N, C-alpha and C. Protein backbone atom coordinates (compact mmCIF):
# COMPACT_ATOMS: atom_id res chain seq x y z
N UNK A 1 0.84 -1.19 0.00
CA UNK A 1 0.00 0.00 0.00
C UNK A 1 0.88 1.24 0.00
N UNK A 2 0.50 2.22 -0.80
CA UNK A 2 1.25 3.48 -0.77
C UNK A 2 0.68 4.35 0.35
N UNK A 3 1.36 5.45 0.64
CA UNK A 3 0.97 6.29 1.77
C UNK A 3 -0.44 6.84 1.64
N UNK A 4 -0.86 7.21 0.42
CA UNK A 4 -2.22 7.71 0.22
C UNK A 4 -3.26 6.66 0.55
N UNK A 5 -3.01 5.42 0.15
CA UNK A 5 -3.95 4.33 0.45
C UNK A 5 -4.01 4.04 1.94
N UNK A 6 -2.85 4.12 2.60
CA UNK A 6 -2.81 3.87 4.05
C UNK A 6 -3.64 4.91 4.79
N UNK A 7 -3.44 6.17 4.47
CA UNK A 7 -4.17 7.24 5.16
C UNK A 7 -5.66 7.17 4.82
N UNK A 8 -5.99 6.81 3.59
CA UNK A 8 -7.40 6.63 3.21
C UNK A 8 -8.02 5.52 4.06
N UNK A 9 -7.30 4.44 4.27
CA UNK A 9 -7.80 3.35 5.11
C UNK A 9 -7.97 3.83 6.55
N UNK A 10 -7.01 4.61 7.04
CA UNK A 10 -7.14 5.16 8.39
C UNK A 10 -8.38 6.04 8.49
N UNK A 11 -8.62 6.85 7.46
CA UNK A 11 -9.80 7.71 7.47
C UNK A 11 -11.07 6.87 7.49
N UNK A 12 -11.11 5.84 6.66
CA UNK A 12 -12.28 4.96 6.63
C UNK A 12 -12.51 4.31 8.00
N UNK A 13 -11.43 3.90 8.64
CA UNK A 13 -11.54 3.21 9.93
C UNK A 13 -11.83 4.14 11.10
N UNK A 14 -11.24 5.34 11.10
CA UNK A 14 -11.29 6.20 12.28
C UNK A 14 -11.84 7.60 12.05
N UNK A 15 -12.16 7.96 10.83
CA UNK A 15 -12.60 9.32 10.53
C UNK A 15 -13.81 9.77 11.33
N UNK A 16 -14.83 8.93 11.41
CA UNK A 16 -16.05 9.30 12.13
C UNK A 16 -15.77 9.47 13.62
N UNK A 17 -14.96 8.60 14.17
CA UNK A 17 -14.63 8.67 15.59
C UNK A 17 -13.81 9.93 15.91
N UNK A 18 -12.85 10.26 15.05
CA UNK A 18 -12.06 11.47 15.22
C UNK A 18 -12.97 12.69 15.11
N UNK A 19 -13.86 12.68 14.12
CA UNK A 19 -14.78 13.80 13.93
C UNK A 19 -15.65 14.03 15.17
N UNK A 20 -16.22 12.96 15.73
CA UNK A 20 -17.11 13.15 16.89
C UNK A 20 -16.34 13.67 18.10
N UNK A 21 -15.10 13.22 18.26
CA UNK A 21 -14.28 13.76 19.36
C UNK A 21 -14.08 15.27 19.16
N UNK A 22 -13.65 15.66 17.97
CA UNK A 22 -13.39 17.08 17.71
C UNK A 22 -14.67 17.89 17.85
N UNK A 23 -15.78 17.37 17.37
CA UNK A 23 -17.07 18.05 17.49
C UNK A 23 -17.42 18.31 18.95
N UNK A 24 -17.19 17.33 19.80
CA UNK A 24 -17.49 17.52 21.22
C UNK A 24 -16.58 18.55 21.86
N UNK A 25 -15.40 18.73 21.31
CA UNK A 25 -14.46 19.70 21.87
C UNK A 25 -14.74 21.12 21.37
N UNK A 26 -15.03 21.28 20.06
CA UNK A 26 -15.17 22.63 19.51
C UNK A 26 -16.61 23.09 19.40
N UNK A 27 -17.56 22.16 19.44
CA UNK A 27 -18.99 22.47 19.42
C UNK A 27 -19.44 23.22 18.17
N UNK A 28 -18.77 22.99 17.09
CA UNK A 28 -19.10 23.64 15.82
C UNK A 28 -18.91 22.62 14.71
N UNK A 29 -20.01 22.26 14.05
CA UNK A 29 -20.01 21.18 13.07
C UNK A 29 -19.02 21.45 11.93
N UNK A 30 -19.09 22.62 11.34
CA UNK A 30 -18.21 22.95 10.20
C UNK A 30 -16.76 22.98 10.63
N UNK A 31 -16.50 23.56 11.79
CA UNK A 31 -15.11 23.61 12.28
C UNK A 31 -14.60 22.21 12.58
N UNK A 32 -15.46 21.36 13.11
CA UNK A 32 -15.06 19.98 13.39
C UNK A 32 -14.71 19.24 12.10
N UNK A 33 -15.48 19.48 11.05
CA UNK A 33 -15.15 18.88 9.75
C UNK A 33 -13.78 19.36 9.26
N UNK A 34 -13.54 20.67 9.37
CA UNK A 34 -12.25 21.23 8.94
C UNK A 34 -11.09 20.67 9.75
N UNK A 35 -11.26 20.58 11.06
CA UNK A 35 -10.19 20.07 11.91
C UNK A 35 -9.96 18.57 11.70
N UNK A 36 -11.01 17.84 11.38
CA UNK A 36 -10.84 16.43 11.06
C UNK A 36 -10.02 16.28 9.79
N UNK A 37 -10.36 17.08 8.79
CA UNK A 37 -9.58 17.06 7.54
C UNK A 37 -8.13 17.43 7.82
N UNK A 38 -7.91 18.45 8.62
CA UNK A 38 -6.55 18.87 8.96
C UNK A 38 -5.80 17.76 9.69
N UNK A 39 -6.49 17.03 10.56
CA UNK A 39 -5.88 15.91 11.28
C UNK A 39 -5.36 14.86 10.31
N UNK A 40 -6.17 14.51 9.32
CA UNK A 40 -5.75 13.46 8.39
C UNK A 40 -4.71 13.96 7.38
N UNK A 41 -4.72 15.25 7.09
CA UNK A 41 -3.65 15.82 6.25
C UNK A 41 -2.33 15.73 7.01
N UNK A 42 -2.35 16.06 8.31
CA UNK A 42 -1.14 15.95 9.12
C UNK A 42 -0.68 14.50 9.22
N UNK A 43 -1.63 13.58 9.35
CA UNK A 43 -1.28 12.16 9.41
C UNK A 43 -0.62 11.73 8.10
N UNK A 44 -1.14 12.21 6.98
CA UNK A 44 -0.56 11.89 5.68
C UNK A 44 0.88 12.41 5.59
N UNK A 45 1.06 13.65 6.02
CA UNK A 45 2.39 14.27 5.93
C UNK A 45 3.40 13.63 6.87
N UNK A 46 2.92 13.09 7.99
CA UNK A 46 3.83 12.56 9.00
C UNK A 46 3.72 11.05 9.18
N UNK A 47 3.03 10.38 8.26
CA UNK A 47 2.84 8.93 8.43
C UNK A 47 4.15 8.16 8.54
N UNK A 48 5.19 8.67 7.91
CA UNK A 48 6.48 7.99 7.95
C UNK A 48 7.12 8.06 9.35
N UNK A 49 6.64 8.98 10.20
CA UNK A 49 7.19 9.08 11.56
C UNK A 49 6.46 8.16 12.53
N UNK A 50 5.35 7.57 12.09
CA UNK A 50 4.58 6.68 12.96
C UNK A 50 5.39 5.41 13.21
N UNK A 51 5.77 5.20 14.46
CA UNK A 51 6.68 4.11 14.80
C UNK A 51 5.96 2.84 15.26
N UNK A 52 4.65 2.86 15.31
CA UNK A 52 3.83 1.71 15.71
C UNK A 52 4.07 1.29 17.16
N UNK A 53 4.58 2.22 17.98
CA UNK A 53 4.71 1.94 19.41
C UNK A 53 3.34 1.98 20.08
N UNK A 54 2.41 2.68 19.47
CA UNK A 54 1.03 2.73 19.93
C UNK A 54 0.16 2.27 18.76
N UNK A 55 -1.13 2.17 19.01
CA UNK A 55 -2.04 1.79 17.93
C UNK A 55 -2.21 2.97 16.97
N UNK A 56 -2.62 2.67 15.77
CA UNK A 56 -2.89 3.73 14.78
C UNK A 56 -3.94 4.69 15.33
N UNK A 57 -4.96 4.13 15.96
CA UNK A 57 -6.04 4.95 16.51
C UNK A 57 -5.50 5.93 17.55
N UNK A 58 -4.65 5.45 18.44
CA UNK A 58 -4.06 6.31 19.47
C UNK A 58 -3.23 7.42 18.83
N UNK A 59 -2.44 7.06 17.84
CA UNK A 59 -1.61 8.05 17.15
C UNK A 59 -2.47 9.11 16.47
N UNK A 60 -3.53 8.69 15.78
CA UNK A 60 -4.41 9.63 15.10
C UNK A 60 -5.12 10.55 16.11
N UNK A 61 -5.55 10.00 17.24
CA UNK A 61 -6.20 10.83 18.25
C UNK A 61 -5.22 11.81 18.88
N UNK A 62 -3.95 11.44 18.96
CA UNK A 62 -2.94 12.39 19.44
C UNK A 62 -2.86 13.58 18.49
N UNK A 63 -2.86 13.30 17.20
CA UNK A 63 -2.83 14.37 16.20
C UNK A 63 -4.10 15.21 16.31
N UNK A 64 -5.26 14.55 16.43
CA UNK A 64 -6.53 15.27 16.53
C UNK A 64 -6.57 16.14 17.78
N UNK A 65 -6.08 15.60 18.88
CA UNK A 65 -6.08 16.36 20.13
C UNK A 65 -5.18 17.59 20.01
N UNK A 66 -4.01 17.43 19.44
CA UNK A 66 -3.10 18.57 19.27
C UNK A 66 -3.65 19.60 18.29
N UNK A 67 -4.26 19.14 17.22
CA UNK A 67 -4.85 20.03 16.23
C UNK A 67 -5.98 20.84 16.86
N UNK A 68 -6.81 20.17 17.63
CA UNK A 68 -7.93 20.83 18.31
C UNK A 68 -7.43 21.81 19.36
N UNK A 69 -6.44 21.39 20.13
CA UNK A 69 -5.87 22.26 21.16
C UNK A 69 -5.28 23.52 20.53
N UNK A 70 -4.56 23.37 19.44
CA UNK A 70 -3.99 24.52 18.74
C UNK A 70 -5.08 25.46 18.25
N UNK A 71 -6.14 24.89 17.69
CA UNK A 71 -7.26 25.71 17.21
C UNK A 71 -7.88 26.50 18.36
N UNK A 72 -8.16 25.82 19.48
CA UNK A 72 -8.79 26.49 20.61
C UNK A 72 -7.89 27.58 21.19
N UNK A 73 -6.61 27.30 21.27
CA UNK A 73 -5.67 28.28 21.81
C UNK A 73 -5.58 29.51 20.91
N UNK A 74 -5.55 29.30 19.60
CA UNK A 74 -5.45 30.42 18.66
C UNK A 74 -6.75 31.23 18.61
N UNK A 75 -7.87 30.53 18.73
CA UNK A 75 -9.16 31.20 18.63
C UNK A 75 -9.38 32.16 19.79
N UNK A 76 -9.04 31.74 20.97
CA UNK A 76 -9.25 32.60 22.12
C UNK A 76 -8.26 32.22 23.22
N UNK A 77 -7.05 32.77 23.16
CA UNK A 77 -5.99 32.35 24.08
C UNK A 77 -6.33 32.49 25.56
N UNK A 78 -6.95 33.58 25.95
CA UNK A 78 -7.27 33.75 27.37
C UNK A 78 -8.26 32.71 27.86
N UNK A 79 -9.29 32.51 27.09
CA UNK A 79 -10.30 31.53 27.47
C UNK A 79 -9.69 30.13 27.52
N UNK A 80 -8.82 29.83 26.57
CA UNK A 80 -8.18 28.52 26.55
C UNK A 80 -7.30 28.33 27.78
N UNK A 81 -6.43 29.29 28.05
CA UNK A 81 -5.49 29.13 29.15
C UNK A 81 -6.15 29.15 30.51
N UNK A 82 -7.23 29.88 30.65
CA UNK A 82 -7.90 29.92 31.94
C UNK A 82 -9.04 28.92 32.02
N UNK A 83 -9.21 28.09 30.97
CA UNK A 83 -10.23 27.03 30.93
C UNK A 83 -11.61 27.54 31.28
N UNK A 84 -11.92 28.72 30.76
CA UNK A 84 -13.25 29.26 31.01
C UNK A 84 -14.25 28.58 30.09
N UNK A 85 -15.49 28.63 30.47
CA UNK A 85 -16.56 27.99 29.71
C UNK A 85 -16.76 28.65 28.36
N UNK A 86 -17.14 27.83 27.40
CA UNK A 86 -17.49 28.34 26.07
C UNK A 86 -19.01 28.36 25.92
N UNK A 87 -19.70 28.65 27.04
CA UNK A 87 -21.15 28.48 27.07
C UNK A 87 -21.92 29.44 26.18
N UNK A 88 -21.30 30.51 25.71
CA UNK A 88 -22.05 31.40 24.84
C UNK A 88 -22.16 30.87 23.41
N UNK A 89 -21.46 29.75 23.14
CA UNK A 89 -21.56 29.14 21.81
C UNK A 89 -22.99 28.64 21.59
N UNK A 90 -23.39 28.56 20.36
CA UNK A 90 -24.71 28.05 20.01
C UNK A 90 -24.79 26.58 20.41
N UNK A 91 -25.62 26.27 21.38
CA UNK A 91 -25.72 24.91 21.89
C UNK A 91 -26.88 24.15 21.26
N UNK A 92 -27.51 24.71 20.26
CA UNK A 92 -28.63 24.02 19.64
C UNK A 92 -28.12 22.78 18.91
N UNK A 93 -28.97 21.78 18.77
CA UNK A 93 -28.54 20.55 18.12
C UNK A 93 -27.97 20.80 16.73
N UNK A 94 -26.97 20.01 16.38
CA UNK A 94 -26.29 20.14 15.11
C UNK A 94 -26.97 19.26 14.07
N UNK A 95 -26.83 19.58 12.80
CA UNK A 95 -27.48 18.81 11.74
C UNK A 95 -27.09 17.34 11.77
N UNK A 96 -27.97 16.52 11.35
CA UNK A 96 -27.80 15.09 11.14
C UNK A 96 -27.44 14.33 12.40
N UNK A 97 -26.25 14.55 12.94
CA UNK A 97 -25.83 13.78 14.11
C UNK A 97 -26.71 14.05 15.31
N UNK A 98 -27.01 15.31 15.59
CA UNK A 98 -27.79 15.63 16.77
C UNK A 98 -29.26 15.23 16.59
N UNK A 99 -29.73 15.26 15.37
CA UNK A 99 -31.11 14.87 15.12
C UNK A 99 -31.33 13.41 15.52
N UNK A 100 -30.28 12.59 15.30
CA UNK A 100 -30.38 11.17 15.59
C UNK A 100 -30.19 10.82 17.06
N UNK A 101 -29.79 11.78 17.84
CA UNK A 101 -29.55 11.50 19.26
C UNK A 101 -30.86 11.33 20.01
N UNK A 102 -30.88 10.38 20.93
CA UNK A 102 -32.08 10.28 21.76
C UNK A 102 -31.96 11.29 22.90
N UNK A 103 -32.98 11.40 23.68
CA UNK A 103 -33.04 12.45 24.69
C UNK A 103 -31.88 12.37 25.69
N UNK A 104 -31.55 11.18 26.18
CA UNK A 104 -30.47 11.05 27.15
C UNK A 104 -29.12 11.40 26.53
N UNK A 105 -28.89 11.01 25.29
CA UNK A 105 -27.63 11.34 24.63
C UNK A 105 -27.49 12.84 24.46
N UNK A 106 -28.59 13.50 24.14
CA UNK A 106 -28.56 14.95 23.98
C UNK A 106 -28.25 15.64 25.31
N UNK A 107 -28.85 15.16 26.38
CA UNK A 107 -28.59 15.72 27.70
C UNK A 107 -27.13 15.48 28.08
N UNK A 108 -26.62 14.28 27.80
CA UNK A 108 -25.22 13.98 28.09
C UNK A 108 -24.31 14.90 27.27
N UNK A 109 -24.61 15.09 26.00
CA UNK A 109 -23.82 15.98 25.15
C UNK A 109 -23.75 17.39 25.75
N UNK A 110 -24.89 17.92 26.17
CA UNK A 110 -24.92 19.27 26.74
C UNK A 110 -24.20 19.32 28.10
N UNK A 111 -24.34 18.26 28.90
CA UNK A 111 -23.64 18.22 30.19
C UNK A 111 -22.12 18.20 29.96
N UNK A 112 -21.66 17.47 28.95
CA UNK A 112 -20.23 17.44 28.62
C UNK A 112 -19.73 18.82 28.20
N UNK A 113 -20.55 19.56 27.49
CA UNK A 113 -20.13 20.88 27.01
C UNK A 113 -19.91 21.87 28.14
N UNK A 114 -20.51 21.59 29.29
CA UNK A 114 -20.35 22.50 30.43
C UNK A 114 -19.16 22.16 31.31
N UNK A 115 -18.38 21.15 30.93
CA UNK A 115 -17.20 20.77 31.69
C UNK A 115 -15.98 21.55 31.25
N UNK A 116 -14.97 21.63 32.12
CA UNK A 116 -13.68 22.19 31.74
C UNK A 116 -13.13 21.34 30.58
N UNK A 117 -12.40 21.95 29.66
CA UNK A 117 -11.87 21.19 28.52
C UNK A 117 -11.09 19.93 28.89
N UNK A 118 -10.26 19.98 29.93
CA UNK A 118 -9.50 18.80 30.34
C UNK A 118 -10.42 17.67 30.79
N UNK A 119 -11.46 18.01 31.55
CA UNK A 119 -12.41 17.01 32.01
C UNK A 119 -13.14 16.40 30.81
N UNK A 120 -13.60 17.27 29.92
CA UNK A 120 -14.34 16.82 28.74
C UNK A 120 -13.47 15.86 27.91
N UNK A 121 -12.21 16.24 27.67
CA UNK A 121 -11.32 15.41 26.87
C UNK A 121 -11.13 14.02 27.47
N UNK A 122 -10.82 13.97 28.76
CA UNK A 122 -10.51 12.69 29.38
C UNK A 122 -11.76 11.81 29.44
N UNK A 123 -12.93 12.38 29.67
CA UNK A 123 -14.16 11.59 29.68
C UNK A 123 -14.46 11.06 28.28
N UNK A 124 -14.27 11.89 27.28
CA UNK A 124 -14.52 11.44 25.90
C UNK A 124 -13.58 10.29 25.56
N UNK A 125 -12.28 10.46 25.83
CA UNK A 125 -11.32 9.41 25.50
C UNK A 125 -11.57 8.13 26.29
N UNK A 126 -11.76 8.23 27.60
CA UNK A 126 -11.86 7.03 28.45
C UNK A 126 -13.23 6.37 28.37
N UNK A 127 -14.30 7.17 28.45
CA UNK A 127 -15.63 6.59 28.57
C UNK A 127 -16.38 6.47 27.24
N UNK A 128 -16.22 7.44 26.36
CA UNK A 128 -16.97 7.40 25.11
C UNK A 128 -16.18 6.73 23.98
N UNK A 129 -14.90 7.00 23.90
CA UNK A 129 -14.06 6.39 22.85
C UNK A 129 -13.39 5.11 23.34
N UNK A 130 -13.49 4.83 24.64
CA UNK A 130 -13.02 3.60 25.27
C UNK A 130 -11.52 3.34 25.11
N UNK A 131 -10.73 4.41 25.19
CA UNK A 131 -9.28 4.25 25.24
C UNK A 131 -8.91 3.81 26.65
N UNK A 132 -7.82 3.06 26.78
CA UNK A 132 -7.33 2.67 28.10
C UNK A 132 -6.71 3.91 28.77
N UNK A 133 -6.43 3.77 30.05
CA UNK A 133 -5.77 4.86 30.77
C UNK A 133 -4.42 5.16 30.12
N UNK A 134 -3.67 4.12 29.79
CA UNK A 134 -2.35 4.29 29.17
C UNK A 134 -2.47 5.00 27.83
N UNK A 135 -3.43 4.58 26.99
CA UNK A 135 -3.62 5.21 25.68
C UNK A 135 -4.04 6.67 25.83
N UNK A 136 -4.92 6.94 26.77
CA UNK A 136 -5.37 8.31 27.01
C UNK A 136 -4.20 9.18 27.46
N UNK A 137 -3.37 8.65 28.34
CA UNK A 137 -2.18 9.39 28.81
C UNK A 137 -1.26 9.68 27.63
N UNK A 138 -1.10 8.71 26.76
CA UNK A 138 -0.24 8.89 25.59
C UNK A 138 -0.79 9.97 24.66
N UNK A 139 -2.09 9.94 24.40
CA UNK A 139 -2.72 10.93 23.52
C UNK A 139 -2.56 12.34 24.08
N UNK A 140 -2.83 12.48 25.38
CA UNK A 140 -2.83 13.80 26.00
C UNK A 140 -1.45 14.25 26.45
N UNK A 141 -0.48 13.34 26.46
CA UNK A 141 0.84 13.69 26.94
C UNK A 141 0.87 13.87 28.45
N UNK A 142 0.05 13.12 29.16
CA UNK A 142 -0.06 13.19 30.61
C UNK A 142 0.47 11.90 31.22
N UNK A 143 0.60 11.91 32.54
CA UNK A 143 0.90 10.67 33.26
C UNK A 143 -0.42 9.90 33.43
N UNK A 144 -0.30 8.61 33.67
CA UNK A 144 -1.51 7.81 33.89
C UNK A 144 -2.23 8.27 35.16
N UNK A 145 -1.48 8.68 36.16
CA UNK A 145 -2.13 9.14 37.41
C UNK A 145 -2.91 10.43 37.17
N UNK A 146 -2.40 11.31 36.30
CA UNK A 146 -3.14 12.53 35.98
C UNK A 146 -4.43 12.19 35.24
N UNK A 147 -4.36 11.22 34.33
CA UNK A 147 -5.58 10.79 33.62
C UNK A 147 -6.61 10.28 34.62
N UNK A 148 -6.18 9.44 35.55
CA UNK A 148 -7.10 8.86 36.54
C UNK A 148 -7.72 9.94 37.43
N UNK A 149 -6.89 10.85 37.93
CA UNK A 149 -7.44 11.88 38.83
C UNK A 149 -8.33 12.87 38.07
N UNK A 150 -7.94 13.22 36.85
CA UNK A 150 -8.76 14.14 36.05
C UNK A 150 -10.08 13.48 35.70
N UNK A 151 -10.04 12.20 35.36
CA UNK A 151 -11.27 11.47 35.05
C UNK A 151 -12.19 11.45 36.27
N UNK A 152 -11.62 11.18 37.43
CA UNK A 152 -12.42 11.13 38.65
C UNK A 152 -13.10 12.48 38.91
N UNK A 153 -12.34 13.57 38.78
CA UNK A 153 -12.92 14.90 38.99
C UNK A 153 -13.94 15.23 37.90
N UNK A 154 -13.62 14.85 36.67
CA UNK A 154 -14.52 15.13 35.55
C UNK A 154 -15.84 14.40 35.69
N UNK A 155 -15.79 13.13 36.08
CA UNK A 155 -17.02 12.35 36.29
C UNK A 155 -17.85 12.98 37.40
N UNK A 156 -17.18 13.45 38.45
CA UNK A 156 -17.90 14.11 39.56
C UNK A 156 -18.63 15.36 39.05
N UNK A 157 -17.93 16.19 38.25
CA UNK A 157 -18.57 17.38 37.70
C UNK A 157 -19.67 17.02 36.69
N UNK A 158 -19.42 15.99 35.89
CA UNK A 158 -20.43 15.55 34.92
C UNK A 158 -21.67 15.07 35.65
N UNK A 159 -21.47 14.30 36.70
CA UNK A 159 -22.61 13.81 37.49
C UNK A 159 -23.41 14.98 38.03
N UNK A 160 -22.70 16.00 38.55
CA UNK A 160 -23.39 17.19 39.08
C UNK A 160 -24.19 17.88 37.96
N UNK A 161 -23.57 18.01 36.78
CA UNK A 161 -24.27 18.63 35.64
C UNK A 161 -25.49 17.83 35.24
N UNK A 162 -25.36 16.52 35.27
CA UNK A 162 -26.49 15.67 34.89
C UNK A 162 -27.62 15.77 35.92
N UNK A 163 -27.25 15.79 37.18
CA UNK A 163 -28.26 15.90 38.23
C UNK A 163 -28.97 17.24 38.14
N UNK A 164 -28.20 18.31 37.90
CA UNK A 164 -28.80 19.63 37.74
C UNK A 164 -29.70 19.67 36.50
N UNK A 165 -29.38 18.83 35.51
CA UNK A 165 -30.17 18.74 34.30
C UNK A 165 -31.33 17.76 34.44
N UNK A 166 -31.55 17.25 35.66
CA UNK A 166 -32.63 16.34 35.98
C UNK A 166 -32.59 15.10 35.09
N UNK A 167 -31.47 14.40 35.15
CA UNK A 167 -31.34 13.12 34.45
C UNK A 167 -30.71 12.13 35.40
N UNK A 168 -31.08 10.90 35.27
CA UNK A 168 -30.56 9.85 36.10
C UNK A 168 -29.15 9.48 35.64
N UNK A 169 -28.15 9.78 36.44
CA UNK A 169 -26.75 9.51 36.12
C UNK A 169 -26.53 8.03 35.83
N UNK A 170 -27.10 7.17 36.66
CA UNK A 170 -26.89 5.73 36.51
C UNK A 170 -27.44 5.25 35.16
N UNK A 171 -28.59 5.74 34.74
CA UNK A 171 -29.18 5.32 33.47
C UNK A 171 -28.34 5.80 32.29
N UNK A 172 -27.68 6.93 32.43
CA UNK A 172 -26.88 7.48 31.36
C UNK A 172 -25.66 6.62 31.05
N UNK A 173 -25.05 6.03 32.08
CA UNK A 173 -23.82 5.27 31.88
C UNK A 173 -24.04 3.76 31.86
N UNK A 174 -25.26 3.29 31.70
CA UNK A 174 -25.52 1.86 31.57
C UNK A 174 -25.21 1.39 30.20
């Protein structure tokens, strides 16, 4: 396989998953599409540096996470560095994907949007994308203990958001 075919296969295998992660982070459908494309362009350009020490999926999510982080930092540096809420963004359901969400998924999506970016990222990677603690640490460039403690704090805040949103936390994570 040549490099173009390899990256095309990666896109077929992981493109939707990368897109949904980015969408949950930036909360803008068009921007998420652009950042997903940018992620795979970077993967194409740097595929020769992929050493296979981690899974392809982990490597691609590392690129997606860095691409998204760079976008957020450039868009609003103060808000990014101080981890302030992006709550003034349009939180209305997004085309196609949000239409298909059931009520609990929509409530979970909105509760995630109210979390600090670090909490949101670690919950998405560990609980929604089902990366291991080690893989999540690798993607984020953190220690495994930081992933565990951030996840614990994030779940606590998510639970509070869900309770305030009048949803059963236990039913959401079944």
